[in-house]
Amino acid sequence: MTQSKNVLGQPLQICCTSPITGFYRDGKCETGTQDRGIHVVCAEITDEFLAFTKSMGNDLSTVSFSFPGLKQGDRWCLCVSRWQEALEAGVAPPIILDATHEAALRSVSLEELKKYAI
């Protein structure tokens, strides 16, 4: 089994374990054939992003049965397409490059990602 890489070509680091994130709920922004949303961008959530994604039909702030609800400052693996939409709307949350999967580079340039790196 090969180790996943981040956008910098290094081993993919953990995004967050509290709350536990990732498509596979392993703390990493891993992806695979079942991950249709491509949850590969490790972002630090902002209130502006939460309001934006809720307005787009994906409420990440409300607690549900198996979802803790997110708040500003939490880290979460976002779908690369939603991050791009937020970028275009001027509300893209900052990202953690060493925890963002290299698959994000299929949709967003490394230069663009670096502009939002923390």
N, C-alpha and C. Protein backbone atom coordinates (compact mmCIF):
# COMPACT_ATOMS: atom_id res chain seq x y z
N MET A 1 0.85 -1.18 0.00
CA MET A 1 0.00 0.00 0.00
C MET A 1 0.89 1.25 0.00
N THR A 2 0.65 2.14 -0.93
CA THR A 2 1.44 3.36 -0.99
C THR A 2 0.84 4.42 -0.08
N GLN A 3 1.72 5.26 0.44
CA GLN A 3 1.26 6.33 1.31
C GLN A 3 0.78 7.51 0.48
N SER A 4 -0.35 8.07 0.84
CA SER A 4 -0.89 9.22 0.12
C SER A 4 0.02 10.42 0.31
N LYS A 5 0.01 11.29 -0.69
CA LYS A 5 0.85 12.50 -0.67
C LYS A 5 -0.03 13.74 -0.56
N ASN A 6 0.57 14.78 -0.03
CA ASN A 6 -0.12 16.06 0.02
C ASN A 6 0.25 16.89 -1.21
N VAL A 7 -0.26 18.10 -1.29
CA VAL A 7 -0.02 18.95 -2.46
C VAL A 7 1.43 19.38 -2.59
N LEU A 8 2.22 19.17 -1.57
CA LEU A 8 3.64 19.51 -1.60
C LEU A 8 4.51 18.31 -1.96
N GLY A 9 3.85 17.15 -2.21
CA GLY A 9 4.57 15.95 -2.57
C GLY A 9 5.13 15.17 -1.39
N GLN A 10 4.74 15.55 -0.20
CA GLN A 10 5.19 14.89 1.03
C GLN A 10 4.08 13.97 1.54
N PRO A 11 4.37 13.12 2.54
CA PRO A 11 3.30 12.28 3.11
C PRO A 11 2.14 13.13 3.64
N LEU A 12 0.92 12.70 3.34
CA LEU A 12 -0.28 13.39 3.78
C LEU A 12 -0.37 13.36 5.30
N GLN A 13 -0.54 14.51 5.91
CA GLN A 13 -0.64 14.63 7.36
C GLN A 13 -2.11 14.63 7.81
N ILE A 14 -2.31 14.42 9.09
CA ILE A 14 -3.65 14.45 9.66
C ILE A 14 -4.19 15.87 9.61
N CYS A 15 -5.44 16.00 9.23
CA CYS A 15 -6.12 17.29 9.19
C CYS A 15 -6.71 17.59 10.58
N CYS A 16 -7.50 16.66 11.10
CA CYS A 16 -8.12 16.87 12.41
C CYS A 16 -8.70 15.56 12.94
N THR A 17 -8.57 15.38 14.24
CA THR A 17 -9.19 14.21 14.88
C THR A 17 -10.26 14.61 15.90
N SER A 18 -10.41 15.93 16.13
CA SER A 18 -11.44 16.40 17.04
C SER A 18 -11.99 17.72 16.53
N PRO A 19 -13.07 17.71 15.75
CA PRO A 19 -13.86 16.53 15.39
C PRO A 19 -13.15 15.68 14.35
N ILE A 20 -13.46 14.42 14.36
CA ILE A 20 -12.83 13.49 13.41
C ILE A 20 -13.33 13.79 12.00
N THR A 21 -12.43 13.99 11.09
CA THR A 21 -12.78 14.38 9.74
C THR A 21 -12.30 13.38 8.72
N GLY A 22 -12.54 13.68 7.48
CA GLY A 22 -12.12 12.83 6.37
C GLY A 22 -13.26 11.96 5.88
N PHE A 23 -13.26 11.69 4.60
CA PHE A 23 -14.29 10.84 4.03
C PHE A 23 -14.35 9.50 4.75
N TYR A 24 -13.18 8.99 5.14
CA TYR A 24 -13.12 7.69 5.82
C TYR A 24 -13.12 7.84 7.34
N ARG A 25 -13.31 9.07 7.82
CA ARG A 25 -13.31 9.39 9.25
C ARG A 25 -12.08 8.81 9.95
N ASP A 26 -10.92 9.12 9.34
CA ASP A 26 -9.65 8.71 9.91
C ASP A 26 -8.76 9.91 10.25
N GLY A 27 -9.32 11.12 10.11
CA GLY A 27 -8.58 12.33 10.41
C GLY A 27 -7.81 12.89 9.23
N LYS A 28 -7.73 12.13 8.14
CA LYS A 28 -6.98 12.57 6.96
C LYS A 28 -7.92 12.86 5.80
N CYS A 29 -7.48 13.73 4.92
CA CYS A 29 -8.26 14.08 3.73
C CYS A 29 -7.94 13.10 2.60
N GLU A 30 -8.10 11.82 2.89
CA GLU A 30 -7.90 10.74 1.91
C GLU A 30 -9.07 10.73 0.94
N THR A 31 -8.87 10.13 -0.21
CA THR A 31 -9.94 10.00 -1.18
C THR A 31 -9.83 8.64 -1.85
N GLY A 32 -10.88 8.24 -2.49
CA GLY A 32 -10.91 6.97 -3.19
C GLY A 32 -12.13 6.93 -4.10
N THR A 33 -12.36 5.79 -4.69
CA THR A 33 -13.45 5.67 -5.66
C THR A 33 -14.82 5.94 -5.06
N GLN A 34 -15.01 5.69 -3.79
CA GLN A 34 -16.31 5.92 -3.16
C GLN A 34 -16.54 7.39 -2.79
N ASP A 35 -15.48 8.17 -2.75
CA ASP A 35 -15.54 9.58 -2.35
C ASP A 35 -15.92 10.44 -3.55
N ARG A 36 -17.20 10.48 -3.85
CA ARG A 36 -17.67 11.23 -5.02
C ARG A 36 -17.49 12.73 -4.86
N GLY A 37 -17.46 13.23 -3.63
CA GLY A 37 -17.28 14.66 -3.40
C GLY A 37 -15.83 15.11 -3.42
N ILE A 38 -14.92 14.17 -3.40
CA ILE A 38 -13.48 14.43 -3.37
C ILE A 38 -13.14 15.37 -2.21
N HIS A 39 -13.26 14.85 -0.99
CA HIS A 39 -13.03 15.59 0.25
C HIS A 39 -11.54 15.66 0.55
N VAL A 40 -10.82 16.53 -0.15
CA VAL A 40 -9.35 16.50 -0.09
C VAL A 40 -8.71 17.79 0.42
N VAL A 41 -9.49 18.84 0.66
CA VAL A 41 -8.92 20.12 1.09
C VAL A 41 -9.09 20.24 2.61
N CYS A 42 -7.96 20.29 3.31
CA CYS A 42 -7.99 20.47 4.76
C CYS A 42 -8.10 21.97 5.04
N ALA A 43 -9.25 22.37 5.54
CA ALA A 43 -9.51 23.80 5.76
C ALA A 43 -9.75 24.10 7.23
N GLU A 44 -9.39 25.31 7.62
CA GLU A 44 -9.75 25.82 8.93
C GLU A 44 -11.02 26.63 8.74
N ILE A 45 -12.09 26.15 9.32
CA ILE A 45 -13.43 26.68 9.08
C ILE A 45 -13.58 28.11 9.62
N THR A 46 -14.28 28.91 8.84
CA THR A 46 -14.60 30.29 9.25
C THR A 46 -16.12 30.45 9.29
N ASP A 47 -16.58 31.44 10.04
CA ASP A 47 -18.01 31.71 10.08
C ASP A 47 -18.54 32.08 8.71
N GLU A 48 -17.75 32.81 7.93
CA GLU A 48 -18.16 33.22 6.59
C GLU A 48 -18.37 31.99 5.69
N PHE A 49 -17.45 31.04 5.79
CA PHE A 49 -17.59 29.83 4.98
C PHE A 49 -18.82 29.02 5.42
N LEU A 50 -19.04 28.92 6.73
CA LEU A 50 -20.21 28.17 7.22
C LEU A 50 -21.50 28.78 6.70
N ALA A 51 -21.61 30.10 6.70
CA ALA A 51 -22.81 30.77 6.18
C ALA A 51 -22.95 30.51 4.68
N PHE A 52 -21.83 30.56 3.96
CA PHE A 52 -21.85 30.34 2.52
C PHE A 52 -22.30 28.92 2.19
N THR A 53 -21.68 27.93 2.81
CA THR A 53 -22.01 26.55 2.46
C THR A 53 -23.44 26.20 2.87
N LYS A 54 -23.92 26.80 3.96
CA LYS A 54 -25.32 26.60 4.34
C LYS A 54 -26.24 27.18 3.27
N SER A 55 -25.89 28.35 2.74
CA SER A 55 -26.71 28.96 1.70
C SER A 55 -26.71 28.14 0.41
N MET A 56 -25.70 27.28 0.26
CA MET A 56 -25.58 26.41 -0.91
C MET A 56 -26.21 25.04 -0.67
N GLY A 57 -26.83 24.86 0.50
CA GLY A 57 -27.54 23.61 0.78
C GLY A 57 -26.78 22.58 1.59
N ASN A 58 -25.60 22.94 2.10
CA ASN A 58 -24.82 22.00 2.91
C ASN A 58 -24.52 22.66 4.26
N ASP A 59 -25.40 22.43 5.21
CA ASP A 59 -25.28 23.02 6.54
C ASP A 59 -24.28 22.22 7.37
N LEU A 60 -23.10 22.78 7.53
CA LEU A 60 -22.05 22.11 8.31
C LEU A 60 -22.01 22.57 9.77
N SER A 61 -22.86 23.51 10.13
CA SER A 61 -22.82 24.04 11.49
C SER A 61 -23.82 23.39 12.44
N THR A 62 -24.77 22.67 11.91
CA THR A 62 -25.81 22.07 12.75
C THR A 62 -25.46 20.64 13.13
N VAL A 63 -25.60 20.35 14.41
CA VAL A 63 -25.37 19.00 14.92
C VAL A 63 -26.47 18.10 14.42
N SER A 64 -26.10 16.91 13.98
CA SER A 64 -27.08 15.90 13.59
C SER A 64 -26.67 14.58 14.22
N PHE A 65 -27.38 13.53 13.89
CA PHE A 65 -27.18 12.23 14.52
C PHE A 65 -25.71 11.82 14.62
N SER A 66 -25.01 11.80 13.50
CA SER A 66 -23.61 11.35 13.52
C SER A 66 -22.63 12.45 13.15
N PHE A 67 -23.10 13.69 13.11
CA PHE A 67 -22.25 14.81 12.72
C PHE A 67 -22.20 15.82 13.85
N PRO A 68 -20.98 16.24 14.26
CA PRO A 68 -20.85 17.12 15.43
C PRO A 68 -21.23 18.57 15.20
N GLY A 69 -21.37 18.99 13.94
CA GLY A 69 -21.55 20.41 13.65
C GLY A 69 -20.22 21.11 13.80
N LEU A 70 -19.92 22.00 12.88
CA LEU A 70 -18.63 22.68 12.90
C LEU A 70 -18.78 24.12 13.36
N LYS A 71 -17.70 24.66 13.90
CA LYS A 71 -17.66 26.06 14.31
C LYS A 71 -16.35 26.66 13.84
N GLN A 72 -16.29 27.97 13.85
CA GLN A 72 -15.08 28.66 13.43
C GLN A 72 -13.87 28.09 14.17
N GLY A 73 -12.80 27.84 13.43
CA GLY A 73 -11.57 27.32 14.01
C GLY A 73 -11.41 25.83 13.88
N ASP A 74 -12.52 25.10 13.68
CA ASP A 74 -12.41 23.65 13.47
C ASP A 74 -11.70 23.42 12.14
N ARG A 75 -11.04 22.29 12.03
CA ARG A 75 -10.45 21.87 10.76
C ARG A 75 -11.30 20.74 10.19
N TRP A 76 -11.47 20.76 8.86
CA TRP A 76 -12.37 19.81 8.22
C TRP A 76 -11.92 19.55 6.80
N CYS A 77 -12.10 18.32 6.33
CA CYS A 77 -11.80 17.97 4.94
C CYS A 77 -12.98 18.37 4.06
N LEU A 78 -12.76 19.38 3.24
CA LEU A 78 -13.81 19.89 2.36
C LEU A 78 -13.70 19.28 0.97
N CYS A 79 -14.83 19.23 0.29
CA CYS A 79 -14.84 18.87 -1.13
C CYS A 79 -14.10 19.98 -1.87
N VAL A 80 -13.23 19.58 -2.77
CA VAL A 80 -12.46 20.58 -3.51
C VAL A 80 -13.38 21.49 -4.31
N SER A 81 -14.48 20.96 -4.83
CA SER A 81 -15.40 21.80 -5.61
C SER A 81 -16.08 22.86 -4.73
N ARG A 82 -16.42 22.53 -3.49
CA ARG A 82 -17.03 23.51 -2.59
C ARG A 82 -16.01 24.58 -2.20
N TRP A 83 -14.75 24.16 -1.99
CA TRP A 83 -13.72 25.14 -1.67
C TRP A 83 -13.56 26.11 -2.84
N GLN A 84 -13.58 25.59 -4.06
CA GLN A 84 -13.48 26.44 -5.25
C GLN A 84 -14.66 27.40 -5.34
N GLU A 85 -15.86 26.92 -5.06
CA GLU A 85 -17.04 27.79 -5.07
C GLU A 85 -16.89 28.91 -4.04
N ALA A 86 -16.38 28.55 -2.87
CA ALA A 86 -16.16 29.56 -1.83
C ALA A 86 -15.08 30.55 -2.26
N LEU A 87 -14.07 30.07 -2.95
CA LEU A 87 -13.02 30.94 -3.47
C LEU A 87 -13.63 31.96 -4.43
N GLU A 88 -14.46 31.50 -5.34
CA GLU A 88 -15.10 32.38 -6.32
C GLU A 88 -16.04 33.38 -5.65
N ALA A 89 -16.62 33.00 -4.51
CA ALA A 89 -17.53 33.88 -3.77
C ALA A 89 -16.79 34.79 -2.78
N GLY A 90 -15.46 34.62 -2.68
CA GLY A 90 -14.67 35.46 -1.79
C GLY A 90 -14.70 35.05 -0.33
N VAL A 91 -15.08 33.79 -0.05
CA VAL A 91 -15.16 33.33 1.34
C VAL A 91 -14.41 32.01 1.56
N ALA A 92 -13.40 31.76 0.74
CA ALA A 92 -12.64 30.50 0.89
C ALA A 92 -11.93 30.49 2.24
N PRO A 93 -12.08 29.42 2.99
CA PRO A 93 -11.39 29.33 4.27
C PRO A 93 -9.90 29.03 4.05
N PRO A 94 -9.07 29.39 5.01
CA PRO A 94 -7.65 29.06 4.90
C PRO A 94 -7.46 27.55 4.93
N ILE A 95 -6.34 27.10 4.36
CA ILE A 95 -6.09 25.67 4.27
C ILE A 95 -4.73 25.29 4.86
N ILE A 96 -4.61 24.01 5.15
CA ILE A 96 -3.39 23.43 5.68
C ILE A 96 -2.80 22.58 4.56
N LEU A 97 -1.72 23.06 3.95
CA LEU A 97 -1.16 22.39 2.78
C LEU A 97 -0.68 20.98 3.05
N ASP A 98 -0.03 20.76 4.19
CA ASP A 98 0.53 19.42 4.43
C ASP A 98 -0.55 18.37 4.73
N ALA A 99 -1.79 18.84 4.93
CA ALA A 99 -2.90 17.91 5.17
C ALA A 99 -3.91 17.92 4.02
N THR A 100 -3.59 18.63 2.94
CA THR A 100 -4.45 18.68 1.75
C THR A 100 -3.93 17.68 0.73
N HIS A 101 -4.77 16.75 0.34
CA HIS A 101 -4.39 15.66 -0.56
C HIS A 101 -3.99 16.18 -1.94
N GLU A 102 -3.02 15.54 -2.55
CA GLU A 102 -2.54 15.95 -3.87
C GLU A 102 -3.64 15.91 -4.94
N ALA A 103 -4.70 15.18 -4.72
CA ALA A 103 -5.81 15.14 -5.68
C ALA A 103 -6.43 16.53 -5.88
N ALA A 104 -6.26 17.42 -4.93
CA ALA A 104 -6.78 18.78 -5.06
C ALA A 104 -6.14 19.49 -6.26
N LEU A 105 -4.94 19.08 -6.61
CA LEU A 105 -4.22 19.73 -7.71
C LEU A 105 -4.85 19.44 -9.08
N ARG A 106 -5.76 18.49 -9.14
CA ARG A 106 -6.48 18.23 -10.38
C ARG A 106 -7.47 19.34 -10.68
N SER A 107 -7.83 20.10 -9.65
CA SER A 107 -8.84 21.15 -9.79
C SER A 107 -8.32 22.56 -9.49
N VAL A 108 -7.32 22.66 -8.62
CA VAL A 108 -6.82 23.95 -8.18
C VAL A 108 -5.30 23.94 -8.28
N SER A 109 -4.72 25.04 -8.70
CA SER A 109 -3.26 25.10 -8.81
C SER A 109 -2.61 25.22 -7.43
N LEU A 110 -1.39 24.76 -7.34
CA LEU A 110 -0.64 24.88 -6.10
C LEU A 110 -0.46 26.36 -5.75
N GLU A 111 -0.25 27.19 -6.73
CA GLU A 111 -0.08 28.63 -6.47
C GLU A 111 -1.32 29.20 -5.81
N GLU A 112 -2.51 28.82 -6.29
CA GLU A 112 -3.76 29.30 -5.71
C GLU A 112 -3.91 28.78 -4.27
N LEU A 113 -3.62 27.51 -4.07
CA LEU A 113 -3.71 26.93 -2.73
C LEU A 113 -2.75 27.64 -1.76
N LYS A 114 -1.57 27.95 -2.21
CA LYS A 114 -0.58 28.61 -1.34
C LYS A 114 -1.06 29.96 -0.87
N LYS A 115 -1.87 30.64 -1.67
CA LYS A 115 -2.40 31.95 -1.27
C LYS A 115 -3.27 31.85 -0.02
N TYR A 116 -3.85 30.68 0.22
CA TYR A 116 -4.76 30.48 1.35
C TYR A 116 -4.16 29.63 2.46
N ALA A 117 -2.88 29.33 2.33
CA ALA A 117 -2.22 28.45 3.31
C ALA A 117 -2.00 29.16 4.64
N ILE A 118 -2.16 28.40 5.70
CA ILE A 118 -1.83 28.91 7.04
C ILE A 118 -0.72 28.06 7.62
